[in-house]
Amino acid sequence: MERIFFFLLGFGLMVVGFTYIITYLNLLSFGYSFVEYLLFISKRLECYFALIGFIITSIIILTDRRDYHGLYL
């Protein structure tokens, strides 16, 4: 049950983070260069949610499941 919780938590964080990253793509239409865009999103906390969520989800998917006797993801 905890694997499902952490999987959904990581997936939710990725959705939130990538939503902000895609939303901030509008800065390119306001005249920001791509390098300025990357510097901007690297300073925003909510964009780090995508990275944290990806790490959590990857750990949950790639960990050994032989010790777990319940539902597999």
Protein backbone atom coordinates (compact mmCIF):
# COMPACT_ATOMS: atom_id res chain seq x y z
CA MET A 1 0.00 0.00 0.00
CA GLU A 2 2.87 2.35 0.73
CA ARG A 3 4.31 1.75 -2.76
CA ILE A 4 1.05 2.89 -4.32
CA PHE A 5 0.99 5.97 -2.09
CA PHE A 6 4.53 6.99 -3.01
CA PHE A 7 3.92 6.24 -6.68
CA LEU A 8 0.85 8.49 -6.71
CA LEU A 9 2.69 11.14 -4.69
CA GLY A 10 5.59 11.16 -7.17
CA PHE A 11 3.24 11.18 -10.14
CA GLY A 12 1.26 14.07 -8.65
CA LEU A 13 4.42 16.08 -8.02
CA MET A 14 5.53 15.47 -11.61
CA VAL A 15 2.18 16.67 -12.94
CA VAL A 16 2.33 19.85 -10.87
CA GLY A 17 5.96 20.55 -11.77
CA PHE A 18 5.57 19.95 -15.49
CA THR A 19 2.37 22.03 -15.53
CA TYR A 20 4.35 25.00 -14.24
CA ILE A 21 7.22 24.33 -16.64
CA ILE A 22 4.82 24.27 -19.59
CA THR A 23 2.99 27.34 -18.31
CA TYR A 24 6.26 29.26 -18.04
CA LEU A 25 6.89 28.52 -21.73
CA ASN A 26 4.71 31.57 -22.35
CA LEU A 27 7.72 33.65 -21.32
CA LEU A 28 9.28 32.79 -24.67
CA SER A 29 6.49 34.68 -26.43
CA PHE A 30 7.26 37.74 -24.28
CA GLY A 31 10.80 37.96 -25.63
CA TYR A 32 12.78 35.78 -23.23
CA SER A 33 15.49 33.68 -24.83
CA PHE A 34 15.61 29.95 -24.18
CA VAL A 35 18.62 30.36 -21.88
CA GLU A 36 16.78 33.03 -19.87
CA TYR A 37 13.79 30.69 -19.68
CA LEU A 38 15.96 27.86 -18.33
CA LEU A 39 17.53 30.21 -15.78
CA PHE A 40 14.07 31.39 -14.72
CA ILE A 41 12.62 27.92 -14.17
CA SER A 42 15.77 26.81 -12.36
CA LYS A 43 15.02 29.45 -9.71
CA ARG A 44 11.38 28.47 -9.20
CA LEU A 45 10.55 26.04 -6.40
CA GLU A 46 7.44 24.64 -8.08
CA CYS A 47 9.50 23.53 -11.09
CA TYR A 48 11.62 21.34 -8.82
CA PHE A 49 8.48 19.31 -8.04
CA ALA A 50 8.85 17.68 -11.47
CA LEU A 51 12.36 16.50 -10.64
CA ILE A 52 11.44 15.34 -7.13
CA GLY A 53 8.38 13.50 -8.45
CA PHE A 54 10.44 11.84 -11.18
CA ILE A 55 12.99 10.64 -8.62
CA ILE A 56 10.31 9.28 -6.26
CA THR A 57 8.46 7.51 -9.08
CA SER A 58 11.68 6.05 -10.49
CA ILE A 59 12.76 4.72 -7.10
CA ILE A 60 9.37 3.09 -6.54
CA ILE A 61 9.32 1.49 -9.99
CA LEU A 62 12.95 0.33 -10.01
CA THR A 63 13.26 -1.02 -6.45
CA ASP A 64 13.25 -4.72 -5.80
CA ARG A 65 9.73 -6.05 -5.29
CA ARG A 66 10.57 -9.57 -4.15
CA ASP A 67 10.27 -8.64 -0.47
CA TYR A 68 6.83 -7.20 -1.04
CA HIS A 69 3.99 -9.73 -0.84
CA GLY A 70 1.13 -7.51 -1.89
CA LEU A 71 -0.09 -5.72 -4.96
CA TYR A 72 2.56 -4.96 -7.58
CA LEU A 73 2.62 -1.75 -9.55
